Amino acid sequence: MQRREFSISATSIAAAASLGTLGTMAHAQRKPPQEGTDYVSLDKPAPVEASAGKVEVVEFFWYSCGHCFRFEPQLEEWIKRIPKDVVIRRAPVAFRPDFEPQQRLYFVLEGMNKVKALHQKVFDAIHLEKQPLNTPALVADWAEKQGLSKAAFVEMYNSPAVTTKVRAATMLQDAYKVDGVPSIGVAGRYFTSGALAQTMERALTVTDFLIAQSRKR
């Protein structure tokens, strides 16, 4: 999802095919990633949490984004084959104040060590079961239905620790100049997305390239 519109949709792909531009996309997949086209380099490095010798890859997402929902299985498959020196960090975005409940939801799951168990279930609840999960009350009720203590969830949801993580995530999206999701930051230096690379599948290929570039610096 772009700040104003979704980055790329099935409709736009169909339109591209009718205009003969899918051939251009295929050609682009054979070319090495190009700066300014497939990715951008940051003017000022973004903060990283990974330790020295590790390459941090940040996935920017929003639970209510349909593109993020569809990208999640691709990302999980990609994560299975990444090298040991690559560290994945997820950063829920907040383009508007009403995104914050889902930001906090993610960080509570992280704090409770429930991301692996419930991250996909959040996407499914929103996109398959049509639950909005866009207010503190709704996310707390949903968490309780997943077997979490509602009292513990609400306490952590409102905790200073989660507030700090929400602020840091929003600062990180600003540092990477994120204009849509899903999108990917690499090593605090590079940024790519489906809008830049033309598809999120290619964005992962670009990410592989940027990881290699990061090791050279």
C-alpha atoms as a PDB file:
ATOM      1  CA  MET A   1       0.000   0.000   0.000  1.00  0.00           C
ATOM      2  CA  GLN A   2       1.320   3.417  -0.982  1.00  0.00           C
ATOM      3  CA  ARG A   3       0.579   6.416   1.193  1.00  0.00           C
ATOM      4  CA  ARG A   4      -1.923   7.448  -1.488  1.00  0.00           C
ATOM      5  CA  GLU A   5      -2.542   4.155  -3.277  1.00  0.00           C
ATOM      6  CA  PHE A   6      -1.421   0.525  -3.427  1.00  0.00           C
ATOM      7  CA  SER A   7       2.030   0.018  -4.918  1.00  0.00           C
ATOM      8  CA  ILE A   8       1.107  -2.595  -7.505  1.00  0.00           C
ATOM      9  CA  SER A   9      -2.085  -4.600  -7.982  1.00  0.00           C
ATOM     10  CA  ALA A  10      -3.372  -7.497  -9.984  1.00  0.00           C
ATOM     11  CA  THR A  11      -5.319  -5.009 -12.060  1.00  0.00           C
ATOM     12  CA  SER A  12      -2.224  -3.000 -12.909  1.00  0.00           C
ATOM     13  CA  ILE A  13      -0.373  -6.185 -13.867  1.00  0.00           C
ATOM     14  CA  ALA A  14      -3.197  -7.145 -16.213  1.00  0.00           C
ATOM     15  CA  ALA A  15      -3.126  -3.668 -17.714  1.00  0.00           C
ATOM     16  CA  ALA A  16       0.629  -3.912 -18.134  1.00  0.00           C
ATOM     17  CA  ALA A  17       0.232  -7.191 -19.994  1.00  0.00           C
ATOM     18  CA  SER A  18      -2.285  -5.654 -22.375  1.00  0.00           C
ATOM     19  CA  LEU A  19       0.190  -2.875 -23.119  1.00  0.00           C
ATOM     20  CA  GLY A  20       3.017  -5.286 -23.709  1.00  0.00           C
ATOM     21  CA  THR A  21       5.031  -4.084 -20.731  1.00  0.00           C
ATOM     22  CA  LEU A  22       5.382  -7.468 -19.087  1.00  0.00           C
ATOM     23  CA  GLY A  23       8.149  -8.108 -21.591  1.00  0.00           C
ATOM     24  CA  THR A  24       9.931  -5.076 -20.178  1.00  0.00           C
ATOM     25  CA  MET A  25       9.467  -6.485 -16.661  1.00  0.00           C
ATOM     26  CA  ALA A  26      10.939  -9.821 -17.737  1.00  0.00           C
ATOM     27  CA  HIS A  27      13.890  -8.013 -19.287  1.00  0.00           C
ATOM     28  CA  ALA A  28      14.383  -6.067 -16.054  1.00  0.00           C
ATOM     29  CA  GLN A  29      14.571  -9.321 -14.105  1.00  0.00           C
ATOM     30  CA  ARG A  30      17.573 -10.383 -16.192  1.00  0.00           C
ATOM     31  CA  LYS A  31      19.452  -7.115 -15.651  1.00  0.00           C
ATOM     32  CA  PRO A  32      21.525  -6.456 -12.531  1.00  0.00           C
ATOM     33  CA  PRO A  33      19.606  -4.230 -10.115  1.00  0.00           C
ATOM     34  CA  GLN A  34      20.041  -0.573 -10.946  1.00  0.00           C
ATOM     35  CA  GLU A  35      20.344   2.190  -8.363  1.00  0.00           C
ATOM     36  CA  GLY A  36      17.604   4.758  -8.792  1.00  0.00           C
ATOM     37  CA  THR A  37      15.411   2.231 -10.612  1.00  0.00           C
ATOM     38  CA  ASP A  38      15.299  -0.987  -8.599  1.00  0.00           C
ATOM     39  CA  TYR A  39      16.508   0.506  -5.320  1.00  0.00           C
ATOM     40  CA  VAL A  40      17.679   3.742  -3.762  1.00  0.00           C
ATOM     41  CA  SER A  41      20.647   4.497  -1.525  1.00  0.00           C
ATOM     42  CA  LEU A  42      19.898   6.547   1.561  1.00  0.00           C
ATOM     43  CA  ASP A  43      21.483   9.978   1.850  1.00  0.00           C
ATOM     44  CA  LYS A  44      21.805   9.455   5.595  1.00  0.00           C
ATOM     45  CA  PRO A  45      22.213   5.967   7.119  1.00  0.00           C
ATOM     46  CA  ALA A  46      19.225   4.621   9.027  1.00  0.00           C
ATOM     47  CA  PRO A  47      19.760   3.127  12.494  1.00  0.00           C
ATOM     48  CA  VAL A  48      20.345  -0.624  12.699  1.00  0.00           C
ATOM     49  CA  GLU A  49      19.974  -3.040  15.595  1.00  0.00           C
ATOM     50  CA  ALA A  50      22.047  -5.888  14.167  1.00  0.00           C
ATOM     51  CA  SER A  51      25.454  -6.524  15.684  1.00  0.00           C
ATOM     52  CA  ALA A  52      28.730  -6.001  13.832  1.00  0.00           C
ATOM     53  CA  GLY A  53      29.275  -8.503  11.062  1.00  0.00           C
ATOM     54  CA  LYS A  54      25.539  -8.956  10.493  1.00  0.00           C
ATOM     55  CA  VAL A  55      23.416  -7.510   7.673  1.00  0.00           C
ATOM     56  CA  GLU A  56      20.053  -6.220   8.853  1.00  0.00           C
ATOM     57  CA  VAL A  57      17.073  -6.528   6.524  1.00  0.00           C
ATOM     58  CA  VAL A  58      13.941  -4.646   7.561  1.00  0.00           C
ATOM     59  CA  GLU A  59      10.501  -5.550   6.267  1.00  0.00           C
ATOM     60  CA  PHE A  60       8.101  -2.621   6.515  1.00  0.00           C
ATOM     61  CA  PHE A  61       4.492  -3.770   6.650  1.00  0.00           C
ATOM     62  CA  TRP A  62       0.963  -2.981   7.791  1.00  0.00           C
ATOM     63  CA  TYR A  63      -1.369  -5.766   8.854  1.00  0.00           C
ATOM     64  CA  SER A  64      -4.328  -4.247   6.981  1.00  0.00           C
ATOM     65  CA  CYS A  65      -2.369  -4.032   3.707  1.00  0.00           C
ATOM     66  CA  GLY A  66      -3.543  -6.637   1.205  1.00  0.00           C
ATOM     67  CA  HIS A  67      -0.185  -6.596  -0.561  1.00  0.00           C
ATOM     68  CA  CYS A  68       1.583  -7.330   2.728  1.00  0.00           C
ATOM     69  CA  PHE A  69      -0.809 -10.239   3.336  1.00  0.00           C
ATOM     70  CA  ARG A  70      -0.008 -11.714  -0.084  1.00  0.00           C
ATOM     71  CA  PHE A  71       3.719 -11.048   0.285  1.00  0.00           C
ATOM     72  CA  GLU A  72       4.054 -12.778   3.656  1.00  0.00           C
ATOM     73  CA  PRO A  73       4.318 -16.365   2.266  1.00  0.00           C
ATOM     74  CA  GLN A  74       6.961 -15.231  -0.250  1.00  0.00           C
ATOM     75  CA  LEU A  75       8.917 -13.522   2.509  1.00  0.00           C
ATOM     76  CA  GLU A  76       8.758 -16.576   4.756  1.00  0.00           C
ATOM     77  CA  GLU A  77      10.109 -18.785   1.968  1.00  0.00           C
ATOM     78  CA  TRP A  78      12.904 -16.292   1.338  1.00  0.00           C
ATOM     79  CA  ILE A  79      13.775 -16.179   5.054  1.00  0.00           C
ATOM     80  CA  LYS A  80      14.289 -19.955   5.036  1.00  0.00           C
ATOM     81  CA  ARG A  81      17.231 -19.618   2.650  1.00  0.00           C
ATOM     82  CA  ILE A  82      18.979 -16.447   3.831  1.00  0.00           C
ATOM     83  CA  PRO A  83      22.630 -16.696   4.918  1.00  0.00           C
ATOM     84  CA  LYS A  84      23.450 -16.885   8.612  1.00  0.00           C
ATOM     85  CA  ASP A  85      24.863 -13.356   8.682  1.00  0.00           C
ATOM     86  CA  VAL A  86      21.485 -11.825   7.691  1.00  0.00           C
ATOM     87  CA  VAL A  87      19.157 -10.634  10.453  1.00  0.00           C
ATOM     88  CA  ILE A  88      15.460 -10.023   9.725  1.00  0.00           C
ATOM     89  CA  ARG A  89      13.669  -7.186  11.487  1.00  0.00           C
ATOM     90  CA  ARG A  90       9.978  -6.447  11.013  1.00  0.00           C
ATOM     91  CA  ALA A  91       8.795  -2.854  11.303  1.00  0.00           C
ATOM     92  CA  PRO A  92       5.048  -2.129  11.322  1.00  0.00           C
ATOM     93  CA  VAL A  93       4.442   1.282   9.772  1.00  0.00           C
ATOM     94  CA  ALA A  94       2.191   4.143  10.806  1.00  0.00           C
ATOM     95  CA  PHE A  95       1.375   6.435   7.923  1.00  0.00           C
ATOM     96  CA  ARG A  96      -1.514   7.775  10.019  1.00  0.00           C
ATOM     97  CA  PRO A  97      -2.293   7.795  13.757  1.00  0.00           C
ATOM     98  CA  ASP A  98      -4.994   5.143  13.275  1.00  0.00           C
ATOM     99  CA  PHE A  99      -2.300   2.623  12.241  1.00  0.00           C
ATOM    100  CA  GLU A 100      -0.909   2.605  15.787  1.00  0.00           C
ATOM    101  CA  PRO A 101      -3.122  -0.136  17.287  1.00  0.00           C
ATOM    102  CA  GLN A 102      -1.679  -2.625  14.805  1.00  0.00           C
ATOM    103  CA  GLN A 103       1.846  -1.358  15.448  1.00  0.00           C
ATOM    104  CA  ARG A 104       1.321  -1.979  19.142  1.00  0.00           C
ATOM    105  CA  LEU A 105      -0.270  -5.357  18.449  1.00  0.00           C
ATOM    106  CA  TYR A 106       2.882  -6.509  16.664  1.00  0.00           C
ATOM    107  CA  PHE A 107       5.196  -5.325  19.410  1.00  0.00           C
ATOM    108  CA  VAL A 108       3.082  -6.957  22.116  1.00  0.00           C
ATOM    109  CA  LEU A 109       3.260 -10.248  20.198  1.00  0.00           C
ATOM    110  CA  GLU A 110       7.007  -9.731  19.938  1.00  0.00           C
ATOM    111  CA  GLY A 111       7.284  -9.028  23.662  1.00  0.00           C
ATOM    112  CA  MET A 112       5.268 -12.148  24.477  1.00  0.00           C
ATOM    113  CA  ASN A 113       7.312 -14.290  22.052  1.00  0.00           C
ATOM    114  CA  LYS A 114       4.172 -14.947  20.029  1.00  0.00           C
ATOM    115  CA  VAL A 115       5.150 -13.553  16.621  1.00  0.00           C
ATOM    116  CA  LYS A 116       5.902 -16.983  15.173  1.00  0.00           C
ATOM    117  CA  ALA A 117       2.601 -18.378  16.437  1.00  0.00           C
ATOM    118  CA  LEU A 118       0.283 -15.459  15.728  1.00  0.00           C
ATOM    119  CA  HIS A 119       1.779 -13.112  13.103  1.00  0.00           C
ATOM    120  CA  GLN A 120       0.127 -14.896  10.171  1.00  0.00           C
ATOM    121  CA  LYS A 121      -3.057 -15.302  12.176  1.00  0.00           C
ATOM    122  CA  VAL A 122      -3.345 -11.507  12.449  1.00  0.00           C
ATOM    123  CA  PHE A 123      -3.185 -11.241   8.660  1.00  0.00           C
ATOM    124  CA  ASP A 124      -5.739 -14.032   8.307  1.00  0.00           C
ATOM    125  CA  ALA A 125      -8.116 -12.440  10.810  1.00  0.00           C
ATOM    126  CA  ILE A 126      -8.093  -9.171   8.881  1.00  0.00           C
ATOM    127  CA  HIS A 127      -8.045 -10.396   5.283  1.00  0.00           C
ATOM    128  CA  LEU A 128      -9.862 -13.734   5.444  1.00  0.00           C
ATOM    129  CA  GLU A 129     -12.150 -13.319   8.435  1.00  0.00           C
ATOM    130  CA  LYS A 130     -12.760  -9.590   7.780  1.00  0.00           C
ATOM    131  CA  GLN A 131     -11.989  -8.471  11.324  1.00  0.00           C
ATOM    132  CA  PRO A 132     -10.705  -4.857  11.256  1.00  0.00           C
ATOM    133  CA  LEU A 133      -8.477  -5.090  14.361  1.00  0.00           C
ATOM    134  CA  ASN A 134      -7.984  -1.337  14.236  1.00  0.00           C
ATOM    135  CA  THR A 135      -8.708  -0.238  17.809  1.00  0.00           C
ATOM    136  CA  PRO A 136      -7.113  -1.119  21.166  1.00  0.00           C
ATOM    137  CA  ALA A 137     -10.290  -2.905  22.266  1.00  0.00           C
ATOM    138  CA  LEU A 138     -10.531  -5.004  19.104  1.00  0.00           C
ATOM    139  CA  VAL A 139      -6.907  -6.133  19.180  1.00  0.00           C
ATOM    140  CA  ALA A 140      -7.147  -6.970  22.898  1.00  0.00           C
ATOM    141  CA  ASP A 141     -10.317  -9.020  22.357  1.00  0.00           C
ATOM    142  CA  TRP A 142      -8.686 -10.830  19.449  1.00  0.00           C
ATOM    143  CA  ALA A 143      -5.573 -11.604  21.510  1.00  0.00           C
ATOM    144  CA  GLU A 144      -7.726 -13.070  24.271  1.00  0.00           C
ATOM    145  CA  LYS A 145      -9.422 -15.366  21.744  1.00  0.00           C
ATOM    146  CA  GLN A 146      -5.950 -16.635  20.776  1.00  0.00           C
ATOM    147  CA  GLY A 147      -5.380 -17.801  24.323  1.00  0.00           C
ATOM    148  CA  LEU A 148      -3.412 -14.822  25.621  1.00  0.00           C
ATOM    149  CA  SER A 149      -4.170 -13.241  28.957  1.00  0.00           C
ATOM    150  CA  LYS A 150      -6.160 -10.104  28.171  1.00  0.00           C
ATOM    151  CA  ALA A 151      -4.873  -8.352  31.274  1.00  0.00           C
ATOM    152  CA  ALA A 152      -1.254  -9.123  30.404  1.00  0.00           C
ATOM    153  CA  PHE A 153      -1.822  -8.105  26.786  1.00  0.00           C
ATOM    154  CA  VAL A 154      -3.373  -4.743  27.724  1.00  0.00           C
ATOM    155  CA  GLU A 155      -0.638  -4.061  30.275  1.00  0.00           C
ATOM    156  CA  MET A 156       2.085  -4.628  27.704  1.00  0.00           C
ATOM    157  CA  TYR A 157       0.113  -2.798  24.988  1.00  0.00           C
ATOM    158  CA  ASN A 158       0.141   0.348  27.149  1.00  0.00           C
ATOM    159  CA  SER A 159       3.653  -0.145  28.508  1.00  0.00           C
ATOM    160  CA  PRO A 160       6.509   2.357  28.086  1.00  0.00           C
ATOM    161  CA  ALA A 161       8.524  -0.388  26.370  1.00  0.00           C
ATOM    162  CA  VAL A 162       5.965  -0.800  23.587  1.00  0.00           C
ATOM    163  CA  THR A 163       5.530   2.967  23.295  1.00  0.00           C
ATOM    164  CA  THR A 164       9.286   3.258  22.787  1.00  0.00           C
ATOM    165  CA  LYS A 165       9.232   0.557  20.085  1.00  0.00           C
ATOM    166  CA  VAL A 166       6.341   2.272  18.291  1.00  0.00           C
ATOM    167  CA  ARG A 167       8.245   5.549  18.214  1.00  0.00           C
ATOM    168  CA  ALA A 168      11.399   3.808  17.018  1.00  0.00           C
ATOM    169  CA  ALA A 169       9.507   2.018  14.232  1.00  0.00           C
ATOM    170  CA  THR A 170       7.982   5.277  13.030  1.00  0.00           C
ATOM    171  CA  MET A 171      11.385   6.984  13.121  1.00  0.00           C
ATOM    172  CA  LEU A 172      12.852   4.062  11.179  1.00  0.00           C
ATOM    173  CA  GLN A 173      10.213   4.300   8.439  1.00  0.00           C
ATOM    174  CA  ASP A 174      11.001   8.017   8.171  1.00  0.00           C
ATOM    175  CA  ALA A 175      14.749   7.346   8.037  1.00  0.00           C
ATOM    176  CA  TYR A 176      14.213   4.914   5.136  1.00  0.00           C
ATOM    177  CA  LYS A 177      11.709   7.336   3.555  1.00  0.00           C
ATOM    178  CA  VAL A 178       9.149   4.555   3.285  1.00  0.00           C
ATOM    179  CA  ASP A 179       6.356   5.586   0.908  1.00  0.00           C
ATOM    180  CA  GLY A 180       4.461   2.307   0.733  1.00  0.00           C
ATOM    181  CA  VAL A 181       4.311  -1.258   1.984  1.00  0.00           C
ATOM    182  CA  PRO A 182       5.444  -3.934   1.753  1.00  0.00           C
ATOM    183  CA  SER A 183       8.951  -2.620   1.301  1.00  0.00           C
ATOM    184  CA  ILE A 184      12.460  -3.539   2.402  1.00  0.00           C
ATOM    185  CA  GLY A 185      15.389  -1.722   3.950  1.00  0.00           C
ATOM    186  CA  VAL A 186      18.890  -3.186   3.882  1.00  0.00           C
ATOM    187  CA  ALA A 187      21.760  -2.455   6.270  1.00  0.00           C
ATOM    188  CA  GLY A 188      20.540   1.066   6.988  1.00  0.00           C
ATOM    189  CA  ARG A 189      21.770   2.035   3.535  1.00  0.00           C
ATOM    190  CA  TYR A 190      19.367   0.824   0.856  1.00  0.00           C
ATOM    191  CA  PHE A 191      15.635   0.706   0.187  1.00  0.00           C
ATOM    192  CA  THR A 192      13.592  -1.278  -2.316  1.00  0.00           C
ATOM    193  CA  SER A 193       9.927  -2.082  -2.879  1.00  0.00           C
ATOM    194  CA  GLY A 194       7.468  -3.518  -5.355  1.00  0.00           C
ATOM    195  CA  ALA A 195       6.963  -0.037  -6.767  1.00  0.00           C
ATOM    196  CA  LEU A 196      10.693   0.294  -7.471  1.00  0.00           C
ATOM    197  CA  ALA A 197      11.525  -3.280  -8.492  1.00  0.00           C
ATOM    198  CA  GLN A 198       8.154  -3.739 -10.288  1.00  0.00           C
ATOM    199  CA  THR A 199       7.160  -6.756  -8.171  1.00  0.00           C
ATOM    200  CA  MET A 200       7.861  -7.862  -4.618  1.00  0.00           C
ATOM    201  CA  GLU A 201       9.299 -11.097  -5.983  1.00  0.00           C
ATOM    202  CA  ARG A 202      11.927  -9.056  -7.818  1.00  0.00           C
ATOM    203  CA  ALA A 203      12.340  -6.848  -4.742  1.00  0.00           C
ATOM    204  CA  LEU A 204      13.599  -9.941  -2.919  1.00  0.00           C
ATOM    205  CA  THR A 205      16.097 -10.556  -5.722  1.00  0.00           C
ATOM    206  CA  VAL A 206      17.194  -6.949  -5.387  1.00  0.00           C
ATOM    207  CA  THR A 207      17.492  -7.486  -1.632  1.00  0.00           C
ATOM    208  CA  ASP A 208      19.843 -10.424  -2.214  1.00  0.00           C
ATOM    209  CA  PHE A 209      21.968  -8.121  -4.368  1.00  0.00           C
ATOM    210  CA  LEU A 210      21.940  -5.366  -1.734  1.00  0.00           C
ATOM    211  CA  ILE A 211      22.948  -7.811   0.999  1.00  0.00           C
ATOM    212  CA  ALA A 212      25.991  -8.721  -1.061  1.00  0.00           C
ATOM    213  CA  GLN A 213      26.723  -5.032  -1.664  1.00  0.00           C
ATOM    214  CA  SER A 214      26.528  -4.351   2.072  1.00  0.00           C
ATOM    215  CA  ARG A 215      29.180  -6.955   2.819  1.00  0.00           C
ATOM    216  CA  LYS A 216      31.627  -5.121   0.554  1.00  0.00           C
ATOM    217  CA  ARG A 217      31.433  -1.901   2.553  1.00  0.00           C
END
